[in-house]
Amino acid sequence: MNFKPTGNRILMSAIEDDSKTETGIIIPDNAKNRPFKALVWATGPHVEEVCVGDTVVFGAYTGTGITLEGKEYIIIEEDSILGILKDKEE
């Protein structure tokens, strides 16, 4: 991919939530919330706490959508990241 975010921006792709609850109830697309989790693909030169490959949590209405090479991505500023999801082992 030939895209490098500038400043403190992060390029990430949304991780879709399951379309079924733990009890087996199917959630229709129009009832789903915007994804709150994403995988980081690239970071700008001033990003300090987030790394490529991290799974992050972000606010529902933050970021700008962009399509690159036919795939949907979100560009967000580092300050809008609420946290980084870690494996239980870390």
N, C-alpha and C. Protein backbone atom coordinates (compact mmCIF):
# COMPACT_ATOMS: atom_id res chain seq x y z
N MET A 1 0.85 -1.17 0.00
CA MET A 1 0.00 0.00 0.00
C MET A 1 0.90 1.23 0.00
N ASN A 2 0.56 2.18 -0.82
CA ASN A 2 1.35 3.41 -0.93
C ASN A 2 0.65 4.56 -0.23
N PHE A 3 0.46 4.45 1.07
CA PHE A 3 -0.16 5.52 1.84
C PHE A 3 0.56 5.65 3.16
N LYS A 4 1.01 6.85 3.47
CA LYS A 4 1.68 7.13 4.75
C LYS A 4 0.94 8.28 5.42
N PRO A 5 0.30 8.04 6.58
CA PRO A 5 -0.37 9.14 7.28
C PRO A 5 0.64 10.21 7.70
N THR A 6 0.17 11.44 7.79
CA THR A 6 1.01 12.54 8.23
C THR A 6 0.74 12.86 9.70
N GLY A 7 1.67 13.56 10.32
CA GLY A 7 1.49 14.05 11.69
C GLY A 7 1.18 12.94 12.68
N ASN A 8 0.10 13.11 13.44
CA ASN A 8 -0.28 12.14 14.46
C ASN A 8 -1.47 11.29 14.02
N ARG A 9 -1.60 11.09 12.71
CA ARG A 9 -2.73 10.33 12.18
C ARG A 9 -2.39 8.85 12.04
N ILE A 10 -3.46 8.04 12.08
CA ILE A 10 -3.34 6.58 12.02
C ILE A 10 -4.28 6.05 10.95
N LEU A 11 -3.78 5.14 10.12
CA LEU A 11 -4.61 4.46 9.12
C LEU A 11 -4.97 3.10 9.68
N MET A 12 -6.28 2.78 9.72
CA MET A 12 -6.71 1.52 10.30
C MET A 12 -7.93 0.99 9.57
N SER A 13 -8.18 -0.30 9.72
CA SER A 13 -9.37 -0.91 9.14
C SER A 13 -10.25 -1.43 10.26
N ALA A 14 -11.54 -1.21 10.11
CA ALA A 14 -12.49 -1.60 11.14
C ALA A 14 -12.57 -3.12 11.28
N ILE A 15 -12.74 -3.57 12.50
CA ILE A 15 -12.98 -4.98 12.79
C ILE A 15 -14.46 -5.10 13.10
N GLU A 16 -15.15 -5.82 12.24
CA GLU A 16 -16.60 -5.97 12.40
C GLU A 16 -16.92 -6.86 13.59
N ASP A 17 -17.94 -6.47 14.34
CA ASP A 17 -18.42 -7.30 15.43
C ASP A 17 -19.21 -8.47 14.86
N ASP A 18 -19.35 -9.52 15.66
CA ASP A 18 -20.12 -10.67 15.23
C ASP A 18 -21.55 -10.27 14.93
N SER A 19 -22.18 -10.97 13.99
CA SER A 19 -23.56 -10.68 13.65
C SER A 19 -24.51 -11.54 14.48
N LYS A 20 -23.97 -12.21 15.49
CA LYS A 20 -24.77 -13.07 16.35
C LYS A 20 -24.33 -12.87 17.80
N THR A 21 -25.28 -12.83 18.71
CA THR A 21 -24.94 -12.70 20.12
C THR A 21 -24.48 -14.05 20.66
N GLU A 22 -23.96 -14.05 21.88
CA GLU A 22 -23.50 -15.30 22.50
C GLU A 22 -24.62 -16.31 22.66
N THR A 23 -25.85 -15.84 22.78
CA THR A 23 -27.00 -16.74 22.94
C THR A 23 -27.60 -17.16 21.61
N GLY A 24 -27.02 -16.68 20.48
CA GLY A 24 -27.48 -17.12 19.17
C GLY A 24 -28.45 -16.20 18.46
N ILE A 25 -28.74 -15.06 19.04
CA ILE A 25 -29.65 -14.10 18.40
C ILE A 25 -28.90 -13.39 17.28
N ILE A 26 -29.47 -13.39 16.07
CA ILE A 26 -28.85 -12.74 14.93
C ILE A 26 -29.17 -11.25 14.96
N ILE A 27 -28.14 -10.42 14.82
CA ILE A 27 -28.29 -8.96 14.83
C ILE A 27 -28.34 -8.48 13.38
N PRO A 28 -29.45 -7.85 12.96
CA PRO A 28 -29.51 -7.34 11.57
C PRO A 28 -28.55 -6.18 11.36
N ASP A 29 -28.11 -5.99 10.11
CA ASP A 29 -27.13 -4.94 9.80
C ASP A 29 -27.58 -3.56 10.24
N ASN A 30 -28.87 -3.24 10.11
CA ASN A 30 -29.34 -1.90 10.48
C ASN A 30 -29.39 -1.68 11.99
N ALA A 31 -29.19 -2.71 12.79
CA ALA A 31 -29.19 -2.57 14.25
C ALA A 31 -27.78 -2.54 14.82
N LYS A 32 -26.78 -2.76 13.97
CA LYS A 32 -25.40 -2.76 14.44
C LYS A 32 -24.88 -1.34 14.61
N ASN A 33 -24.03 -1.17 15.59
CA ASN A 33 -23.36 0.11 15.78
C ASN A 33 -22.14 0.18 14.88
N ARG A 34 -21.64 1.38 14.67
CA ARG A 34 -20.39 1.54 13.93
C ARG A 34 -19.30 0.78 14.69
N PRO A 35 -18.36 0.19 13.98
CA PRO A 35 -17.30 -0.56 14.66
C PRO A 35 -16.51 0.33 15.62
N PHE A 36 -16.20 -0.21 16.75
CA PHE A 36 -15.41 0.51 17.74
C PHE A 36 -14.00 -0.04 17.83
N LYS A 37 -13.71 -1.12 17.12
CA LYS A 37 -12.38 -1.72 17.13
C LYS A 37 -11.80 -1.66 15.73
N ALA A 38 -10.47 -1.54 15.65
CA ALA A 38 -9.82 -1.48 14.34
C ALA A 38 -8.40 -1.99 14.44
N LEU A 39 -7.88 -2.44 13.29
CA LEU A 39 -6.51 -2.89 13.16
C LEU A 39 -5.69 -1.78 12.53
N VAL A 40 -4.56 -1.45 13.14
CA VAL A 40 -3.70 -0.36 12.66
C VAL A 40 -2.82 -0.87 11.52
N TRP A 41 -2.86 -0.15 10.38
CA TRP A 41 -2.07 -0.49 9.19
C TRP A 41 -0.86 0.41 9.01
N ALA A 42 -0.97 1.69 9.39
CA ALA A 42 0.14 2.63 9.21
C ALA A 42 -0.03 3.77 10.21
N THR A 43 1.09 4.36 10.60
CA THR A 43 1.05 5.49 11.54
C THR A 43 1.90 6.63 10.99
N GLY A 44 1.51 7.84 11.36
CA GLY A 44 2.28 9.02 10.99
C GLY A 44 3.53 9.14 11.83
N PRO A 45 4.42 10.05 11.48
CA PRO A 45 5.71 10.18 12.17
C PRO A 45 5.62 10.67 13.61
N HIS A 46 4.49 11.28 14.00
CA HIS A 46 4.36 11.81 15.36
C HIS A 46 3.50 10.94 16.27
N VAL A 47 3.14 9.75 15.83
CA VAL A 47 2.36 8.82 16.65
C VAL A 47 3.33 8.14 17.61
N GLU A 48 2.99 8.17 18.91
CA GLU A 48 3.90 7.66 19.92
C GLU A 48 3.46 6.37 20.59
N GLU A 49 2.14 6.19 20.81
CA GLU A 49 1.68 5.07 21.63
C GLU A 49 1.10 3.90 20.86
N VAL A 50 0.81 4.08 19.59
CA VAL A 50 0.16 3.05 18.79
C VAL A 50 1.13 2.55 17.74
N CYS A 51 1.15 1.23 17.52
CA CYS A 51 2.05 0.62 16.54
C CYS A 51 1.26 -0.11 15.47
N VAL A 52 1.88 -0.28 14.31
CA VAL A 52 1.27 -1.07 13.24
C VAL A 52 1.01 -2.48 13.77
N GLY A 53 -0.17 -3.00 13.52
CA GLY A 53 -0.55 -4.32 14.00
C GLY A 53 -1.36 -4.31 15.28
N ASP A 54 -1.40 -3.18 15.99
CA ASP A 54 -2.20 -3.08 17.21
C ASP A 54 -3.69 -3.11 16.87
N THR A 55 -4.48 -3.63 17.80
CA THR A 55 -5.94 -3.53 17.72
C THR A 55 -6.34 -2.44 18.70
N VAL A 56 -7.03 -1.42 18.20
CA VAL A 56 -7.35 -0.26 19.02
C VAL A 56 -8.86 -0.09 19.15
N VAL A 57 -9.25 0.65 20.18
CA VAL A 57 -10.64 1.02 20.41
C VAL A 57 -10.74 2.52 20.22
N PHE A 58 -11.79 2.96 19.52
CA PHE A 58 -11.94 4.39 19.23
C PHE A 58 -13.40 4.80 19.37
N GLY A 59 -13.63 6.11 19.45
CA GLY A 59 -14.97 6.64 19.60
C GLY A 59 -15.84 6.37 18.39
N ALA A 60 -17.14 6.32 18.59
CA ALA A 60 -18.09 5.92 17.54
C ALA A 60 -18.12 6.86 16.35
N TYR A 61 -17.95 8.14 16.53
CA TYR A 61 -18.12 9.07 15.43
C TYR A 61 -16.85 9.85 15.13
N THR A 62 -15.71 9.22 15.29
CA THR A 62 -14.44 9.88 14.99
C THR A 62 -13.82 9.29 13.73
N GLY A 63 -12.96 10.01 13.10
CA GLY A 63 -12.24 9.51 11.94
C GLY A 63 -12.89 9.86 10.62
N THR A 64 -12.13 9.62 9.57
CA THR A 64 -12.57 9.88 8.20
C THR A 64 -12.39 8.60 7.40
N GLY A 65 -13.44 8.20 6.70
CA GLY A 65 -13.37 7.00 5.87
C GLY A 65 -12.65 7.27 4.57
N ILE A 66 -11.91 6.27 4.08
CA ILE A 66 -11.17 6.38 2.82
C ILE A 66 -11.12 4.99 2.19
N THR A 67 -11.13 4.94 0.86
CA THR A 67 -10.99 3.68 0.14
C THR A 67 -9.65 3.68 -0.56
N LEU A 68 -8.85 2.66 -0.29
CA LEU A 68 -7.54 2.49 -0.92
C LEU A 68 -7.46 1.09 -1.50
N GLU A 69 -7.13 1.00 -2.76
CA GLU A 69 -7.00 -0.29 -3.44
C GLU A 69 -8.23 -1.16 -3.23
N GLY A 70 -9.42 -0.53 -3.22
CA GLY A 70 -10.68 -1.25 -3.11
C GLY A 70 -11.06 -1.66 -1.70
N LYS A 71 -10.29 -1.27 -0.69
CA LYS A 71 -10.60 -1.63 0.69
C LYS A 71 -10.92 -0.37 1.49
N GLU A 72 -11.82 -0.52 2.47
CA GLU A 72 -12.24 0.59 3.32
C GLU A 72 -11.30 0.73 4.51
N TYR A 73 -10.88 1.97 4.76
CA TYR A 73 -10.02 2.29 5.90
C TYR A 73 -10.57 3.51 6.63
N ILE A 74 -10.06 3.75 7.81
CA ILE A 74 -10.40 4.93 8.61
C ILE A 74 -9.10 5.63 8.96
N ILE A 75 -9.09 6.95 8.82
CA ILE A 75 -7.96 7.76 9.27
C ILE A 75 -8.41 8.50 10.51
N ILE A 76 -7.61 8.41 11.56
CA ILE A 76 -8.00 8.99 12.84
C ILE A 76 -6.76 9.60 13.49
N GLU A 77 -6.95 10.61 14.31
CA GLU A 77 -5.83 11.19 15.05
C GLU A 77 -5.57 10.35 16.30
N GLU A 78 -4.32 10.29 16.71
CA GLU A 78 -3.94 9.45 17.85
C GLU A 78 -4.73 9.81 19.11
N ASP A 79 -5.03 11.08 19.31
CA ASP A 79 -5.78 11.50 20.50
C ASP A 79 -7.18 10.90 20.56
N SER A 80 -7.72 10.44 19.42
CA SER A 80 -9.05 9.85 19.39
C SER A 80 -9.05 8.37 19.74
N ILE A 81 -7.89 7.77 19.87
CA ILE A 81 -7.79 6.37 20.28
C ILE A 81 -8.06 6.29 21.77
N LEU A 82 -9.02 5.43 22.15
CA LEU A 82 -9.38 5.30 23.55
C LEU A 82 -8.51 4.28 24.28
N GLY A 83 -7.97 3.32 23.55
CA GLY A 83 -7.12 2.32 24.17
C GLY A 83 -6.64 1.30 23.16
N ILE A 84 -5.72 0.46 23.61
CA ILE A 84 -5.15 -0.61 22.79
C ILE A 84 -5.52 -1.93 23.43
N LEU A 85 -6.10 -2.84 22.64
CA LEU A 85 -6.46 -4.16 23.16
C LEU A 85 -5.22 -5.05 23.13
N LYS A 86 -4.96 -5.70 24.23
CA LYS A 86 -3.80 -6.58 24.36
C LYS A 86 -4.27 -8.01 24.60
N ASP A 87 -3.43 -8.99 24.25
CA ASP A 87 -3.72 -10.37 24.56
C ASP A 87 -3.67 -10.54 26.07
N LYS A 88 -4.39 -11.54 26.58
CA LYS A 88 -4.41 -11.80 28.03
C LYS A 88 -3.02 -12.15 28.55
N GLU A 89 -2.16 -12.69 27.68
CA GLU A 89 -0.84 -13.12 28.10
C GLU A 89 0.12 -11.95 28.32
N GLU A 90 -0.20 -10.78 27.76
CA GLU A 90 0.73 -9.63 27.87
C GLU A 90 0.58 -8.91 29.18
